[in-house]
Protein backbone atom coordinates (compact mmCIF):
# COMPACT_ATOMS: atom_id res chain seq x y z
CA GLN A 1 0.00 0.00 0.00
CA VAL A 2 2.83 2.39 0.82
CA GLN A 3 6.09 2.75 -1.06
CA LEU A 4 9.04 4.73 0.25
CA LYS A 5 11.47 6.27 -2.22
CA GLU A 6 14.78 7.30 -0.69
CA SER A 7 17.50 9.48 -2.13
CA GLY A 8 20.48 11.54 -1.06
CA GLY A 9 22.93 8.94 0.14
CA GLY A 10 26.51 9.03 -0.98
CA LEU A 11 30.11 9.68 -0.06
CA VAL A 12 31.21 12.58 2.11
CA GLN A 13 34.34 13.49 4.06
CA PRO A 14 34.30 13.65 7.85
CA GLY A 15 32.76 16.91 8.95
CA GLY A 16 30.75 17.18 5.77
CA SER A 17 27.02 17.15 5.19
CA LEU A 18 24.40 15.13 3.38
CA ARG A 19 20.67 15.49 3.02
CA LEU A 20 18.52 12.40 2.75
CA SER A 21 14.96 12.47 1.51
CA CYS A 22 12.17 9.92 1.53
CA ALA A 23 8.91 10.30 -0.33
CA ALA A 24 5.95 8.14 0.63
CA SER A 25 3.38 7.19 -1.96
CA GLY A 26 0.18 5.21 -1.81
CA ILE A 27 -2.51 5.40 0.83
CA ILE A 28 -1.20 7.84 3.42
CA PHE A 29 -2.96 8.44 6.72
CA SER A 30 -3.20 11.99 7.97
CA ILE A 31 -1.68 11.05 11.31
CA ASN A 32 1.56 9.17 10.97
CA VAL A 33 5.18 9.00 12.02
CA MET A 34 8.06 9.04 9.60
CA GLY A 35 11.68 8.63 10.43
CA TRP A 36 15.16 7.44 9.71
CA TYR A 37 16.91 4.41 11.10
CA ARG A 38 20.32 2.99 10.40
CA GLN A 39 21.82 -0.46 10.52
CA ALA A 40 25.45 -1.42 10.33
CA PRO A 41 26.40 -4.92 9.18
CA GLY A 42 25.90 -7.41 11.98
CA LYS A 43 24.16 -4.90 14.22
CA GLU A 44 20.59 -4.12 15.15
CA ARG A 45 18.70 -1.43 13.33
CA GLU A 46 18.68 1.69 15.48
CA LEU A 47 16.70 4.88 15.66
CA VAL A 48 18.24 7.99 14.16
CA ALA A 49 15.31 10.40 14.20
CA THR A 50 11.54 10.44 13.87
CA ILE A 51 8.98 13.12 13.23
CA THR A 52 5.22 13.00 13.59
CA SER A 53 2.73 14.54 11.21
CA GLY A 54 2.32 17.23 13.87
CA GLY A 55 6.02 18.05 13.84
CA SER A 56 7.14 16.43 17.08
CA THR A 57 10.69 15.09 16.75
CA ASN A 58 12.82 12.51 18.47
CA TYR A 59 16.57 11.97 18.03
CA ALA A 60 19.12 9.44 19.04
CA ASP A 61 21.62 10.87 21.50
CA SER A 62 24.45 10.19 19.08
CA VAL A 63 23.06 12.58 16.46
CA LYS A 64 21.54 15.35 18.57
CA GLY A 65 22.85 18.72 17.53
CA ARG A 66 24.18 17.38 14.24
CA PHE A 67 21.16 15.93 12.43
CA THR A 68 17.83 17.59 11.76
CA ILE A 69 14.70 15.79 10.65
CA SER A 70 11.92 17.64 8.89
CA ARG A 71 8.93 16.87 6.71
CA ASP A 72 6.70 18.28 4.05
CA ASN A 73 3.23 16.91 4.71
CA ALA A 74 1.90 18.12 1.38
CA LYS A 75 4.51 15.97 -0.36
CA ASN A 76 4.48 13.14 2.19
CA THR A 77 8.23 13.51 2.31
CA VAL A 78 10.66 13.37 5.20
CA TYR A 79 14.18 14.79 5.16
CA LEU A 80 17.27 14.21 7.22
CA GLN A 81 19.89 16.93 7.18
CA MET A 82 23.13 15.42 8.41
CA ASN A 83 25.89 17.81 9.40
CA SER A 84 29.28 17.27 11.00
CA LEU A 85 29.31 13.70 9.80
CA LYS A 86 31.60 11.25 11.52
CA PRO A 87 33.02 7.95 10.26
CA GLU A 88 30.82 6.13 12.77
CA ASP A 89 27.77 7.57 11.00
CA ALA A 90 28.64 5.59 7.90
CA THR A 91 26.14 2.80 7.32
CA VAL A 92 22.87 2.06 5.58
CA TYR A 93 20.02 4.41 6.41
CA TYR A 94 16.39 3.32 6.15
CA CYS A 95 13.27 5.42 5.87
CA ARG A 96 10.32 4.31 7.96
CA TYR A 97 6.63 5.12 7.74
CA ASN A 98 4.23 4.27 10.54
CA THR A 99 0.45 4.51 10.26
CA TYR A 100 0.31 5.68 13.83
CA ALA A 101 -3.25 4.72 14.69
CA GLY A 102 -3.05 1.29 13.11
CA GLY A 103 0.55 0.55 13.98
CA ILE A 104 1.47 -0.55 10.46
CA ILE A 105 5.10 0.01 9.54
CA TYR A 106 6.70 0.29 6.12
CA TRP A 107 10.40 0.44 5.33
CA GLY A 108 12.38 1.89 2.49
CA GLN A 109 15.02 -0.09 0.67
CA GLY A 110 17.89 1.66 2.41
CA THR A 111 20.46 4.13 1.16
CA GLN A 112 24.18 3.96 1.76
CA VAL A 113 25.97 6.76 3.57
CA THR A 114 29.75 6.64 3.45
CA VAL A 115 31.93 8.96 5.54
CA SER A 116 35.57 8.68 4.62
CA SER A 117 38.60 10.80 3.89
């Protein structure tokens, strides 16, 4: 029912910036939560940041002050502005959509972020 199209991943030097975007298409509920998660090989998928349709945000401690999540409800799109990137930020990032009331979760395919000099 819902497809998530991610873009913006790539290669950046430490201290640099990237902006990820994720556009949701299909049947979108007015009240929902969208966010970004990341998963390194052999590790559990972890929260990076989430944002509700009302604009309430939540960040992992490791990215507070460096990453900013935002959304455009008219476009059903969520963004992740990543500044001051560190090598430990380098991994696969996944977009997530949650139909809040129904608790149905959809995942994007993942986009690779590489931080290297």
